[in-house]
Amino acid sequence: MRVALVVFFAIAMGLFGSGNANAGVLCSGNNGLGVAVNNIWCNTVPNWWGSGQTLCVAEQYNFAPIDLRFYVRPLGPSGGTGHADFRPMQPFQMTKVFAWPDNTNPAPQCILDWPPGSTRLRHH
């Protein structure tokens, strides 16, 4: 019985497990320079060029277009999550992903992820 249970869990994890699950990456670094994962850079920049807007920006440095998804949350005081898909995001082009007024409370967070069904590259 115990062997059957272990085999069942192994099969279930293989079929439905976290192999395709993606953990999002917060587009904000402690140093203000953003983060880079899989040759994809993103950052959250307050007061973009004195505009009074905070922008989430991204650029990918792979030589081919790649499918990406970005989330922003919370969406205002009521919460919620929004997303933007780039299918595909072209290489070497800075992209404005989301914008919101500076000093928005609670402060939104921009998160890099990969759309369902896409293959996430490995971390470097």
PDB file of N, CA and C in Angstrom:
ATOM      1  N   MET A   1       0.824  -1.189   0.000  1.00  0.00           N
ATOM      2  CA  MET A   1       0.000   0.000   0.000  1.00  0.00           C
ATOM      3  C   MET A   1       0.868   1.252   0.000  1.00  0.00           C
ATOM      4  N   ARG A   2       1.923   1.231   0.837  1.00  0.00           N
ATOM      5  CA  ARG A   2       2.794   2.403   0.919  1.00  0.00           C
ATOM      6  C   ARG A   2       3.497   2.647  -0.413  1.00  0.00           C
ATOM      7  N   VAL A   3       3.969   1.600  -1.063  1.00  0.00           N
ATOM      8  CA  VAL A   3       4.622   1.733  -2.372  1.00  0.00           C
ATOM      9  C   VAL A   3       3.638   2.295  -3.391  1.00  0.00           C
ATOM     10  N   ALA A   4       2.417   1.822  -3.383  1.00  0.00           N
ATOM     11  CA  ALA A   4       1.403   2.320  -4.317  1.00  0.00           C
ATOM     12  C   ALA A   4       1.143   3.799  -4.098  1.00  0.00           C
ATOM     13  N   LEU A   5       1.106   4.230  -2.859  1.00  0.00           N
ATOM     14  CA  LEU A   5       0.885   5.629  -2.535  1.00  0.00           C
ATOM     15  C   LEU A   5       2.049   6.493  -3.022  1.00  0.00           C
ATOM     16  N   VAL A   6       3.265   6.037  -2.809  1.00  0.00           N
ATOM     17  CA  VAL A   6       4.444   6.768  -3.272  1.00  0.00           C
ATOM     18  C   VAL A   6       4.440   6.869  -4.793  1.00  0.00           C
ATOM     19  N   VAL A   7       4.119   5.781  -5.477  1.00  0.00           N
ATOM     20  CA  VAL A   7       4.058   5.788  -6.937  1.00  0.00           C
ATOM     21  C   VAL A   7       2.971   6.748  -7.418  1.00  0.00           C
ATOM     22  N   PHE A   8       1.824   6.741  -6.767  1.00  0.00           N
ATOM     23  CA  PHE A   8       0.737   7.638  -7.137  1.00  0.00           C
ATOM     24  C   PHE A   8       1.186   9.096  -7.028  1.00  0.00           C
ATOM     25  N   PHE A   9       1.832   9.463  -5.900  1.00  0.00           N
ATOM     26  CA  PHE A   9       2.289  10.842  -5.710  1.00  0.00           C
ATOM     27  C   PHE A   9       3.365  11.212  -6.733  1.00  0.00           C
ATOM     28  N   ALA A  10       4.240  10.278  -7.054  1.00  0.00           N
ATOM     29  CA  ALA A  10       5.283  10.553  -8.046  1.00  0.00           C
ATOM     30  C   ALA A  10       4.663  10.827  -9.412  1.00  0.00           C
ATOM     31  N   ILE A  11       3.669  10.029  -9.786  1.00  0.00           N
ATOM     32  CA  ILE A  11       2.989  10.242 -11.068  1.00  0.00           C
ATOM     33  C   ILE A  11       2.222  11.560 -11.049  1.00  0.00           C
ATOM     34  N   ALA A  12       1.513  11.819  -9.948  1.00  0.00           N
ATOM     35  CA  ALA A  12       0.747  13.066  -9.840  1.00  0.00           C
ATOM     36  C   ALA A  12       1.660  14.277  -9.933  1.00  0.00           C
ATOM     37  N   MET A  13       2.809  14.252  -9.277  1.00  0.00           N
ATOM     38  CA  MET A  13       3.738  15.377  -9.338  1.00  0.00           C
ATOM     39  C   MET A  13       4.331  15.518 -10.735  1.00  0.00           C
ATOM     40  N   GLY A  14       4.534  14.411 -11.400  1.00  0.00           N
ATOM     41  CA  GLY A  14       5.045  14.480 -12.763  1.00  0.00           C
ATOM     42  C   GLY A  14       4.040  15.084 -13.726  1.00  0.00           C
ATOM     43  N   LEU A  15       2.764  14.757 -13.530  1.00  0.00           N
ATOM     44  CA  LEU A  15       1.729  15.277 -14.420  1.00  0.00           C
ATOM     45  C   LEU A  15       1.236  16.662 -14.028  1.00  0.00           C
ATOM     46  N   PHE A  16       1.056  16.878 -12.740  1.00  0.00           N
ATOM     47  CA  PHE A  16       0.429  18.114 -12.278  1.00  0.00           C
ATOM     48  C   PHE A  16       1.324  18.939 -11.373  1.00  0.00           C
ATOM     49  N   GLY A  17       2.549  18.524 -11.213  1.00  0.00           N
ATOM     50  CA  GLY A  17       3.428  19.153 -10.243  1.00  0.00           C
ATOM     51  C   GLY A  17       3.954  20.495 -10.680  1.00  0.00           C
ATOM     52  N   SER A  18       4.967  20.936  -9.989  1.00  0.00           N
ATOM     53  CA  SER A  18       5.472  22.288 -10.174  1.00  0.00           C
ATOM     54  C   SER A  18       6.493  22.392 -11.300  1.00  0.00           C
ATOM     55  N   GLY A  19       6.588  21.406 -12.167  1.00  0.00           N
ATOM     56  CA  GLY A  19       7.541  21.482 -13.259  1.00  0.00           C
ATOM     57  C   GLY A  19       7.310  22.661 -14.173  1.00  0.00           C
ATOM     58  N   ASN A  20       6.060  23.053 -14.375  1.00  0.00           N
ATOM     59  CA  ASN A  20       5.750  24.210 -15.202  1.00  0.00           C
ATOM     60  C   ASN A  20       5.337  25.410 -14.367  1.00  0.00           C
ATOM     61  N   ALA A  21       5.362  25.272 -13.071  1.00  0.00           N
ATOM     62  CA  ALA A  21       4.973  26.395 -12.218  1.00  0.00           C
ATOM     63  C   ALA A  21       6.066  27.453 -12.265  1.00  0.00           C
ATOM     64  N   ASN A  22       5.655  28.678 -12.293  1.00  0.00           N
ATOM     65  CA  ASN A  22       6.595  29.778 -12.364  1.00  0.00           C
ATOM     66  C   ASN A  22       6.471  30.638 -11.127  1.00  0.00           C
ATOM     67  N   ALA A  23       7.577  30.890 -10.508  1.00  0.00           N
ATOM     68  CA  ALA A  23       7.601  31.838  -9.400  1.00  0.00           C
ATOM     69  C   ALA A  23       7.940  33.191  -9.994  1.00  0.00           C
ATOM     70  N   GLY A  24       7.105  34.180  -9.718  1.00  0.00           N
ATOM     71  CA  GLY A  24       7.340  35.505 -10.253  1.00  0.00           C
ATOM     72  C   GLY A  24       8.572  36.157  -9.637  1.00  0.00           C
ATOM     73  N   VAL A  25       9.112  37.132 -10.348  1.00  0.00           N
ATOM     74  CA  VAL A  25      10.289  37.870  -9.915  1.00  0.00           C
ATOM     75  C   VAL A  25       9.888  39.326  -9.745  1.00  0.00           C
ATOM     76  N   LEU A  26      10.075  39.880  -8.562  1.00  0.00           N
ATOM     77  CA  LEU A  26       9.734  41.265  -8.284  1.00  0.00           C
ATOM     78  C   LEU A  26      10.662  42.188  -9.064  1.00  0.00           C
ATOM     79  N   CYS A  27      10.089  43.088  -9.842  1.00  0.00           N
ATOM     80  CA  CYS A  27      10.865  44.009 -10.687  1.00  0.00           C
ATOM     81  C   CYS A  27      11.319  45.221  -9.884  1.00  0.00           C
ATOM     82  N   SER A  28      12.127  44.969  -8.904  1.00  0.00           N
ATOM     83  CA  SER A  28      12.644  46.044  -8.067  1.00  0.00           C
ATOM     84  C   SER A  28      13.830  45.492  -7.307  1.00  0.00           C
ATOM     85  N   GLY A  29      14.945  46.164  -7.399  1.00  0.00           N
ATOM     86  CA  GLY A  29      16.122  45.714  -6.674  1.00  0.00           C
ATOM     87  C   GLY A  29      16.427  46.645  -5.513  1.00  0.00           C
ATOM     88  N   ASN A  30      17.107  46.146  -4.511  1.00  0.00           N
ATOM     89  CA  ASN A  30      17.473  46.971  -3.362  1.00  0.00           C
ATOM     90  C   ASN A  30      18.347  48.153  -3.754  1.00  0.00           C
ATOM     91  N   ASN A  31      19.090  48.008  -4.847  1.00  0.00           N
ATOM     92  CA  ASN A  31      20.008  49.053  -5.271  1.00  0.00           C
ATOM     93  C   ASN A  31      19.376  50.040  -6.251  1.00  0.00           C
ATOM     94  N   GLY A  32      18.107  49.861  -6.582  1.00  0.00           N
ATOM     95  CA  GLY A  32      17.439  50.751  -7.522  1.00  0.00           C
ATOM     96  C   GLY A  32      17.738  50.460  -8.982  1.00  0.00           C
ATOM     97  N   LEU A  33      18.543  49.434  -9.238  1.00  0.00           N
ATOM     98  CA  LEU A  33      18.935  49.114 -10.609  1.00  0.00           C
ATOM     99  C   LEU A  33      18.076  48.022 -11.234  1.00  0.00           C
ATOM    100  N   GLY A  34      17.081  47.534 -10.525  1.00  0.00           N
ATOM    101  CA  GLY A  34      16.220  46.486 -11.043  1.00  0.00           C
ATOM    102  C   GLY A  34      16.835  45.113 -10.870  1.00  0.00           C
ATOM    103  N   VAL A  35      16.238  44.139 -11.539  1.00  0.00           N
ATOM    104  CA  VAL A  35      16.702  42.763 -11.461  1.00  0.00           C
ATOM    105  C   VAL A  35      16.813  42.190 -12.871  1.00  0.00           C
ATOM    106  N   ALA A  36      17.641  41.165 -13.008  1.00  0.00           N
ATOM    107  CA  ALA A  36      17.785  40.480 -14.293  1.00  0.00           C
ATOM    108  C   ALA A  36      17.689  38.982 -14.058  1.00  0.00           C
ATOM    109  N   VAL A  37      16.854  38.320 -14.849  1.00  0.00           N
ATOM    110  CA  VAL A  37      16.679  36.874 -14.803  1.00  0.00           C
ATOM    111  C   VAL A  37      16.584  36.396 -16.250  1.00  0.00           C
ATOM    112  N   ASN A  38      17.363  35.401 -16.602  1.00  0.00           N
ATOM    113  CA  ASN A  38      17.309  34.811 -17.944  1.00  0.00           C
ATOM    114  C   ASN A  38      17.499  35.849 -19.039  1.00  0.00           C
ATOM    115  N   ASN A  39      18.407  36.791 -18.813  1.00  0.00           N
ATOM    116  CA  ASN A  39      18.668  37.868 -19.773  1.00  0.00           C
ATOM    117  C   ASN A  39      17.460  38.785 -19.970  1.00  0.00           C
ATOM    118  N   ILE A  40      16.611  38.869 -18.961  1.00  0.00           N
ATOM    119  CA  ILE A  40      15.465  39.772 -18.987  1.00  0.00           C
ATOM    120  C   ILE A  40      15.626  40.697 -17.787  1.00  0.00           C
ATOM    121  N   TRP A  41      15.685  41.990 -18.053  1.00  0.00           N
ATOM    122  CA  TRP A  41      15.838  42.988 -17.001  1.00  0.00           C
ATOM    123  C   TRP A  41      14.514  43.704 -16.803  1.00  0.00           C
ATOM    124  N   CYS A  42      14.166  43.981 -15.560  1.00  0.00           N
ATOM    125  CA  CYS A  42      12.987  44.796 -15.287  1.00  0.00           C
ATOM    126  C   CYS A  42      13.247  45.634 -14.040  1.00  0.00           C
ATOM    127  N   ASN A  43      12.549  46.765 -13.957  1.00  0.00           N
ATOM    128  CA  ASN A  43      12.734  47.663 -12.832  1.00  0.00           C
ATOM    129  C   ASN A  43      11.465  48.467 -12.624  1.00  0.00           C
ATOM    130  N   THR A  44      11.267  48.914 -11.398  1.00  0.00           N
ATOM    131  CA  THR A  44      10.187  49.830 -11.053  1.00  0.00           C
ATOM    132  C   THR A  44      10.850  51.166 -10.745  1.00  0.00           C
ATOM    133  N   VAL A  45      10.519  52.200 -11.526  1.00  0.00           N
ATOM    134  CA  VAL A  45      11.195  53.488 -11.439  1.00  0.00           C
ATOM    135  C   VAL A  45      10.211  54.564 -10.994  1.00  0.00           C
ATOM    136  N   PRO A  46      10.362  55.066  -9.748  1.00  0.00           N
ATOM    137  CA  PRO A  46       9.484  56.145  -9.300  1.00  0.00           C
ATOM    138  C   PRO A  46       9.785  57.449 -10.041  1.00  0.00           C
ATOM    139  N   ASN A  47       8.770  58.281 -10.207  1.00  0.00           N
ATOM    140  CA  ASN A  47       8.893  59.611 -10.810  1.00  0.00           C
ATOM    141  C   ASN A  47       9.675  59.575 -12.125  1.00  0.00           C
ATOM    142  N   TRP A  48       9.236  58.707 -13.028  1.00  0.00           N
ATOM    143  CA  TRP A  48       9.894  58.507 -14.327  1.00  0.00           C
ATOM    144  C   TRP A  48      10.109  59.849 -15.012  1.00  0.00           C
ATOM    145  N   TRP A  49      11.327  60.266 -15.164  1.00  0.00           N
ATOM    146  CA  TRP A  49      11.739  61.505 -15.823  1.00  0.00           C
ATOM    147  C   TRP A  49      10.924  62.697 -15.357  1.00  0.00           C
ATOM    148  N   GLY A  50      10.641  62.757 -14.042  1.00  0.00           N
ATOM    149  CA  GLY A  50       9.924  63.890 -13.464  1.00  0.00           C
ATOM    150  C   GLY A  50       8.449  63.948 -13.812  1.00  0.00           C
ATOM    151  N   SER A  51       7.878  62.804 -14.208  1.00  0.00           N
ATOM    152  CA  SER A  51       6.495  62.777 -14.694  1.00  0.00           C
ATOM    153  C   SER A  51       5.455  62.643 -13.589  1.00  0.00           C
ATOM    154  N   GLY A  52       5.894  62.309 -12.358  1.00  0.00           N
ATOM    155  CA  GLY A  52       4.923  62.024 -11.305  1.00  0.00           C
ATOM    156  C   GLY A  52       4.316  60.637 -11.427  1.00  0.00           C
ATOM    157  N   GLN A  53       4.843  59.826 -12.330  1.00  0.00           N
ATOM    158  CA  GLN A  53       4.384  58.458 -12.565  1.00  0.00           C
ATOM    159  C   GLN A  53       5.489  57.479 -12.193  1.00  0.00           C
ATOM    160  N   THR A  54       5.093  56.377 -11.560  1.00  0.00           N
ATOM    161  CA  THR A  54       6.009  55.267 -11.337  1.00  0.00           C
ATOM    162  C   THR A  54       5.803  54.297 -12.491  1.00  0.00           C
ATOM    163  N   LEU A  55       6.887  53.896 -13.127  1.00  0.00           N
ATOM    164  CA  LEU A  55       6.809  52.984 -14.270  1.00  0.00           C
ATOM    165  C   LEU A  55       7.479  51.659 -13.956  1.00  0.00           C
ATOM    166  N   CYS A  56       6.884  50.603 -14.470  1.00  0.00           N
ATOM    167  CA  CYS A  56       7.532  49.299 -14.522  1.00  0.00           C
ATOM    168  C   CYS A  56       8.034  49.172 -15.955  1.00  0.00           C
ATOM    169  N   VAL A  57       9.333  49.020 -16.113  1.00  0.00           N
ATOM    170  CA  VAL A  57       9.939  48.914 -17.441  1.00  0.00           C
ATOM    171  C   VAL A  57      10.707  47.605 -17.542  1.00  0.00           C
ATOM    172  N   ALA A  58      10.866  47.120 -18.772  1.00  0.00           N
ATOM    173  CA  ALA A  58      11.568  45.851 -18.984  1.00  0.00           C
ATOM    174  C   ALA A  58      12.289  45.874 -20.319  1.00  0.00           C
ATOM    175  N   GLU A  59      13.320  45.060 -20.395  1.00  0.00           N
ATOM    176  CA  GLU A  59      14.032  44.844 -21.649  1.00  0.00           C
ATOM    177  C   GLU A  59      14.589  43.431 -21.612  1.00  0.00           C
ATOM    178  N   GLN A  60      14.516  42.755 -22.745  1.00  0.00           N
ATOM    179  CA  GLN A  60      15.061  41.396 -22.776  1.00  0.00           C
ATOM    180  C   GLN A  60      16.242  41.354 -23.732  1.00  0.00           C
ATOM    181  N   TYR A  61      17.287  40.653 -23.304  1.00  0.00           N
ATOM    182  CA  TYR A  61      18.555  40.626 -24.017  1.00  0.00           C
ATOM    183  C   TYR A  61      18.854  39.272 -24.647  1.00  0.00           C
ATOM    184  N   ASN A  62      17.829  38.477 -24.880  1.00  0.00           N
ATOM    185  CA  ASN A  62      18.010  37.243 -25.634  1.00  0.00           C
ATOM    186  C   ASN A  62      17.981  37.628 -27.112  1.00  0.00           C
ATOM    187  N   PHE A  63      18.548  36.819 -27.961  1.00  0.00           N
ATOM    188  CA  PHE A  63      18.638  37.189 -29.370  1.00  0.00           C
ATOM    189  C   PHE A  63      17.368  36.894 -30.145  1.00  0.00           C
ATOM    190  N   ALA A  64      16.419  36.254 -29.516  1.00  0.00           N
ATOM    191  CA  ALA A  64      15.145  35.944 -30.177  1.00  0.00           C
ATOM    192  C   ALA A  64      14.006  36.511 -29.333  1.00  0.00           C
ATOM    193  N   PRO A  65      12.866  36.805 -29.945  1.00  0.00           N
ATOM    194  CA  PRO A  65      11.697  37.231 -29.166  1.00  0.00           C
ATOM    195  C   PRO A  65      11.302  36.146 -28.167  1.00  0.00           C
ATOM    196  N   ILE A  66      10.705  36.561 -27.057  1.00  0.00           N
ATOM    197  CA  ILE A  66      10.324  35.622 -26.019  1.00  0.00           C
ATOM    198  C   ILE A  66       8.978  36.048 -25.442  1.00  0.00           C
ATOM    199  N   ASP A  67       8.152  35.069 -25.071  1.00  0.00           N
ATOM    200  CA  ASP A  67       6.853  35.350 -24.455  1.00  0.00           C
ATOM    201  C   ASP A  67       7.049  35.644 -22.974  1.00  0.00           C
ATOM    202  N   LEU A  68       6.495  36.764 -22.530  1.00  0.00           N
ATOM    203  CA  LEU A  68       6.601  37.154 -21.129  1.00  0.00           C
ATOM    204  C   LEU A  68       5.253  37.640 -20.628  1.00  0.00           C
ATOM    205  N   ARG A  69       5.076  37.571 -19.326  1.00  0.00           N
ATOM    206  CA  ARG A  69       3.886  38.110 -18.671  1.00  0.00           C
ATOM    207  C   ARG A  69       4.349  38.900 -17.452  1.00  0.00           C
ATOM    208  N   PHE A  70       3.723  40.032 -17.245  1.00  0.00           N
ATOM    209  CA  PHE A  70       3.980  40.853 -16.070  1.00  0.00           C
ATOM    210  C   PHE A  70       2.672  41.005 -15.316  1.00  0.00           C
ATOM    211  N   TYR A  71       2.772  40.968 -13.995  1.00  0.00           N
ATOM    212  CA  TYR A  71       1.625  41.204 -13.123  1.00  0.00           C
ATOM    213  C   TYR A  71       1.851  42.499 -12.369  1.00  0.00           C
ATOM    214  N   VAL A  72       0.765  43.164 -12.027  1.00  0.00           N
ATOM    215  CA  VAL A  72       0.832  44.290 -11.113  1.00  0.00           C
ATOM    216  C   VAL A  72      -0.233  44.061 -10.052  1.00  0.00           C
ATOM    217  N   ARG A  73       0.179  44.243  -8.782  1.00  0.00           N
ATOM    218  CA  ARG A  73      -0.771  44.102  -7.685  1.00  0.00           C
ATOM    219  C   ARG A  73      -0.242  44.856  -6.478  1.00  0.00           C
ATOM    220  N   PRO A  74      -1.081  45.354  -5.634  1.00  0.00           N
ATOM    221  CA  PRO A  74      -2.541  45.381  -5.752  1.00  0.00           C
ATOM    222  C   PRO A  74      -3.000  46.478  -6.705  1.00  0.00           C
ATOM    223  N   LEU A  75      -4.177  46.291  -7.252  1.00  0.00           N
ATOM    224  CA  LEU A  75      -4.783  47.307  -8.112  1.00  0.00           C
ATOM    225  C   LEU A  75      -5.663  48.201  -7.248  1.00  0.00           C
ATOM    226  N   GLY A  76      -5.094  49.238  -6.696  1.00  0.00           N
ATOM    227  CA  GLY A  76      -5.849  50.169  -5.869  1.00  0.00           C
ATOM    228  C   GLY A  76      -6.190  49.607  -4.507  1.00  0.00           C
ATOM    229  N   PRO A  77      -6.985  50.360  -3.759  1.00  0.00           N
ATOM    230  CA  PRO A  77      -7.302  49.972  -2.383  1.00  0.00           C
ATOM    231  C   PRO A  77      -8.069  48.656  -2.277  1.00  0.00           C
ATOM    232  N   SER A  78      -8.808  48.289  -3.325  1.00  0.00           N
ATOM    233  CA  SER A  78      -9.596  47.057  -3.262  1.00  0.00           C
ATOM    234  C   SER A  78      -8.768  45.811  -3.558  1.00  0.00           C
ATOM    235  N   GLY A  79      -7.526  45.993  -3.963  1.00  0.00           N
ATOM    236  CA  GLY A  79      -6.669  44.844  -4.269  1.00  0.00           C
ATOM    237  C   GLY A  79      -6.856  44.384  -5.696  1.00  0.00           C
ATOM    238  N   GLY A  80      -6.668  43.120  -5.915  1.00  0.00           N
ATOM    239  CA  GLY A  80      -6.778  42.572  -7.262  1.00  0.00           C
ATOM    240  C   GLY A  80      -5.428  42.542  -7.955  1.00  0.00           C
ATOM    241  N   THR A  81      -5.391  41.896  -9.088  1.00  0.00           N
ATOM    242  CA  THR A  81      -4.170  41.732  -9.867  1.00  0.00           C
ATOM    243  C   THR A  81      -4.472  41.985 -11.327  1.00  0.00           C
ATOM    244  N   GLY A  82      -3.612  42.734 -11.981  1.00  0.00           N
ATOM    245  CA  GLY A  82      -3.706  42.934 -13.418  1.00  0.00           C
ATOM    246  C   GLY A  82      -2.516  42.293 -14.085  1.00  0.00           C
ATOM    247  N   HIS A  83      -2.614  42.055 -15.370  1.00  0.00           N
ATOM    248  CA  HIS A  83      -1.456  41.497 -16.070  1.00  0.00           C
ATOM    249  C   HIS A  83      -1.361  42.050 -17.478  1.00  0.00           C
ATOM    250  N   ALA A  84      -0.156  42.001 -18.012  1.00  0.00           N
ATOM    251  CA  ALA A  84       0.117  42.389 -19.392  1.00  0.00           C
ATOM    252  C   ALA A  84       0.951  41.284 -20.010  1.00  0.00           C
ATOM    253  N   ASP A  85       0.520  40.813 -21.173  1.00  0.00           N
ATOM    254  CA  ASP A  85       1.254  39.762 -21.892  1.00  0.00           C
ATOM    255  C   ASP A  85       2.015  40.388 -23.052  1.00  0.00           C
ATOM    256  N   PHE A  86       3.213  39.942 -23.246  1.00  0.00           N
ATOM    257  CA  PHE A  86       4.007  40.330 -24.397  1.00  0.00           C
ATOM    258  C   PHE A  86       4.325  39.042 -25.139  1.00  0.00           C
ATOM    259  N   ARG A  87       3.658  38.863 -26.261  1.00  0.00           N
ATOM    260  CA  ARG A  87       3.807  37.643 -27.061  1.00  0.00           C
ATOM    261  C   ARG A  87       4.140  38.033 -28.477  1.00  0.00           C
ATOM    262  N   PRO A  88       5.310  38.138 -28.837  1.00  0.00           N
ATOM    263  CA  PRO A  88       6.516  38.048 -28.025  1.00  0.00           C
ATOM    264  C   PRO A  88       7.046  39.441 -27.688  1.00  0.00           C
ATOM    265  N   MET A  89       7.925  39.503 -26.698  1.00  0.00           N
ATOM    266  CA  MET A  89       8.659  40.739 -26.418  1.00  0.00           C
ATOM    267  C   MET A  89       9.905  40.698 -27.285  1.00  0.00           C
ATOM    268  N   GLN A  90      10.098  41.746 -28.033  1.00  0.00           N
ATOM    269  CA  GLN A  90      11.234  41.812 -28.946  1.00  0.00           C
ATOM    270  C   GLN A  90      12.525  42.072 -28.164  1.00  0.00           C
ATOM    271  N   PRO A  91      13.638  41.574 -28.668  1.00  0.00           N
ATOM    272  CA  PRO A  91      14.910  41.784 -27.970  1.00  0.00           C
ATOM    273  C   PRO A  91      15.411  43.221 -28.103  1.00  0.00           C
ATOM    274  N   PHE A  92      16.128  43.654 -27.070  1.00  0.00           N
ATOM    275  CA  PHE A  92      16.866  44.923 -27.061  1.00  0.00           C
ATOM    276  C   PHE A  92      15.978  46.157 -27.256  1.00  0.00           C
ATOM    277  N   GLN A  93      14.727  46.101 -26.795  1.00  0.00           N
ATOM    278  CA  GLN A  93      13.831  47.249 -26.842  1.00  0.00           C
ATOM    279  C   GLN A  93      13.250  47.477 -25.454  1.00  0.00           C
ATOM    280  N   MET A  94      13.508  48.649 -24.872  1.00  0.00           N
ATOM    281  CA  MET A  94      12.924  48.941 -23.566  1.00  0.00           C
ATOM    282  C   MET A  94      11.418  49.085 -23.742  1.00  0.00           C
ATOM    283  N   THR A  95      10.677  48.432 -22.856  1.00  0.00           N
ATOM    284  CA  THR A  95       9.222  48.403 -22.924  1.00  0.00           C
ATOM    285  C   THR A  95       8.635  48.943 -21.631  1.00  0.00           C
ATOM    286  N   LYS A  96       7.702  49.877 -21.746  1.00  0.00           N
ATOM    287  CA  LYS A  96       6.967  50.359 -20.582  1.00  0.00           C
ATOM    288  C   LYS A  96       5.826  49.383 -20.342  1.00  0.00           C
ATOM    289  N   VAL A  97       5.852  48.729 -19.197  1.00  0.00           N
ATOM    290  CA  VAL A  97       4.908  47.658 -18.910  1.00  0.00           C
ATOM    291  C   VAL A  97       3.659  48.194 -18.216  1.00  0.00           C
ATOM    292  N   PHE A  98       3.837  48.881 -17.100  1.00  0.00           N
ATOM    293  CA  PHE A  98       2.738  49.463 -16.327  1.00  0.00           C
ATOM    294  C   PHE A  98       3.160  50.845 -15.857  1.00  0.00           C
ATOM    295  N   ALA A  99       2.177  51.690 -15.566  1.00  0.00           N
ATOM    296  CA  ALA A  99       2.435  52.996 -14.947  1.00  0.00           C
ATOM    297  C   ALA A  99       1.327  53.279 -13.950  1.00  0.00           C
ATOM    298  N   TRP A 100       1.676  53.958 -12.858  1.00  0.00           N
ATOM    299  CA  TRP A 100       0.687  54.394 -11.880  1.00  0.00           C
ATOM    300  C   TRP A 100       1.201  55.676 -11.244  1.00  0.00           C
ATOM    301  N   PRO A 101       0.310  56.495 -10.684  1.00  0.00           N
ATOM    302  CA  PRO A 101       0.752  57.746 -10.060  1.00  0.00           C
ATOM    303  C   PRO A 101       1.696  57.471  -8.887  1.00  0.00           C
ATOM    304  N   ASP A 102       2.722  58.321  -8.765  1.00  0.00           N
ATOM    305  CA  ASP A 102       3.608  58.220  -7.600  1.00  0.00           C
ATOM    306  C   ASP A 102       2.779  58.319  -6.325  1.00  0.00           C
ATOM    307  N   ASN A 103       3.277  57.738  -5.271  1.00  0.00           N
ATOM    308  CA  ASN A 103       2.646  57.769  -3.944  1.00  0.00           C
ATOM    309  C   ASN A 103       1.286  57.084  -3.902  1.00  0.00           C
ATOM    310  N   THR A 104       1.020  56.160  -4.823  1.00  0.00           N
ATOM    311  CA  THR A 104      -0.205  55.358  -4.775  1.00  0.00           C
ATOM    312  C   THR A 104      -0.138  54.448  -3.559  1.00  0.00           C
ATOM    313  N   ASN A 105      -1.227  54.396  -2.806  1.00  0.00           N
ATOM    314  CA  ASN A 105      -1.292  53.521  -1.622  1.00  0.00           C
ATOM    315  C   ASN A 105      -2.457  52.569  -1.749  1.00  0.00           C
ATOM    316  N   PRO A 106      -2.257  51.288  -1.498  1.00  0.00           N
ATOM    317  CA  PRO A 106      -0.950  50.676  -1.258  1.00  0.00           C
ATOM    318  C   PRO A 106      -0.123  50.674  -2.540  1.00  0.00           C
ATOM    319  N   ALA A 107       1.185  50.708  -2.374  1.00  0.00           N
ATOM    320  CA  ALA A 107       2.090  50.798  -3.527  1.00  0.00           C
ATOM    321  C   ALA A 107       2.022  49.531  -4.363  1.00  0.00           C
ATOM    322  N   PRO A 108       1.703  49.654  -5.659  1.00  0.00           N
ATOM    323  CA  PRO A 108       1.686  48.463  -6.523  1.00  0.00           C
ATOM    324  C   PRO A 108       3.084  47.866  -6.679  1.00  0.00           C
ATOM    325  N   GLN A 109       3.128  46.586  -6.992  1.00  0.00           N
ATOM    326  CA  GLN A 109       4.368  45.892  -7.282  1.00  0.00           C
ATOM    327  C   GLN A 109       4.268  45.285  -8.670  1.00  0.00           C
ATOM    328  N   CYS A 110       5.336  45.395  -9.431  1.00  0.00           N
ATOM    329  CA  CYS A 110       5.403  44.819 -10.777  1.00  0.00           C
ATOM    330  C   CYS A 110       6.184  43.512 -10.685  1.00  0.00           C
ATOM    331  N   ILE A 111       5.630  42.452 -11.266  1.00  0.00           N
ATOM    332  CA  ILE A 111       6.205  41.111 -11.141  1.00  0.00           C
ATOM    333  C   ILE A 111       6.361  40.489 -12.527  1.00  0.00           C
ATOM    334  N   LEU A 112       7.562  40.039 -12.836  1.00  0.00           N
ATOM    335  CA  LEU A 112       7.866  39.357 -14.088  1.00  0.00           C
ATOM    336  C   LEU A 112       7.516  37.890 -13.952  1.00  0.00           C
ATOM    337  N   ASP A 113       6.840  37.350 -14.947  1.00  0.00           N
ATOM    338  CA  ASP A 113       6.505  35.929 -14.952  1.00  0.00           C
ATOM    339  C   ASP A 113       6.491  35.465 -16.404  1.00  0.00           C
ATOM    340  N   TRP A 114       6.187  34.231 -16.599  1.00  0.00           N
ATOM    341  CA  TRP A 114       6.106  33.649 -17.919  1.00  0.00           C
ATOM    342  C   TRP A 114       4.679  33.182 -18.130  1.00  0.00           C
ATOM    343  N   PRO A 115       4.094  33.399 -19.314  1.00  0.00           N
ATOM    344  CA  PRO A 115       2.701  33.001 -19.521  1.00  0.00           C
ATOM    345  C   PRO A 115       2.529  31.489 -19.443  1.00  0.00           C
ATOM    346  N   PRO A 116       1.320  31.046 -19.083  1.00  0.00           N
ATOM    347  CA  PRO A 116       1.058  29.607 -19.024  1.00  0.00           C
ATOM    348  C   PRO A 116       1.407  28.934 -20.348  1.00  0.00           C
ATOM    349  N   GLY A 117       2.041  27.799 -20.255  1.00  0.00           N
ATOM    350  CA  GLY A 117       2.392  27.035 -21.446  1.00  0.00           C
ATOM    351  C   GLY A 117       3.739  27.395 -22.036  1.00  0.00           C
ATOM    352  N   SER A 118       4.353  28.479 -21.574  1.00  0.00           N
ATOM    353  CA  SER A 118       5.658  28.834 -22.111  1.00  0.00           C
ATOM    354  C   SER A 118       6.745  28.122 -21.314  1.00  0.00           C
ATOM    355  N   THR A 119       7.916  28.081 -21.866  1.00  0.00           N
ATOM    356  CA  THR A 119       9.036  27.443 -21.196  1.00  0.00           C
ATOM    357  C   THR A 119       9.869  28.510 -20.524  1.00  0.00           C
ATOM    358  N   ARG A 120      10.026  28.387 -19.237  1.00  0.00           N
ATOM    359  CA  ARG A 120      10.853  29.342 -18.510  1.00  0.00           C
ATOM    360  C   ARG A 120      12.297  28.909 -18.631  1.00  0.00           C
ATOM    361  N   LEU A 121      13.147  29.855 -18.957  1.00  0.00           N
ATOM    362  CA  LEU A 121      14.574  29.566 -19.029  1.00  0.00           C
ATOM    363  C   LEU A 121      15.127  29.399 -17.629  1.00  0.00           C
ATOM    364  N   ARG A 122      16.258  28.772 -17.506  1.00  0.00           N
ATOM    365  CA  ARG A 122      16.832  28.551 -16.183  1.00  0.00           C
ATOM    366  C   ARG A 122      17.482  29.844 -15.673  1.00  0.00           C
ATOM    367  N   HIS A 123      17.576  29.954 -14.338  1.00  0.00           N
ATOM    368  CA  HIS A 123      18.249  31.093 -13.722  1.00  0.00           C
ATOM    369  C   HIS A 123      19.732  31.007 -13.988  1.00  0.00           C
ATOM    370  N   HIS A 124      20.382  32.119 -14.138  1.00  0.00           N
ATOM    371  CA  HIS A 124      21.834  32.155 -14.321  1.00  0.00           C
ATOM    372  C   HIS A 124      22.485  32.402 -12.993  1.00  0.00           C
TER     373      HIS A 124
END
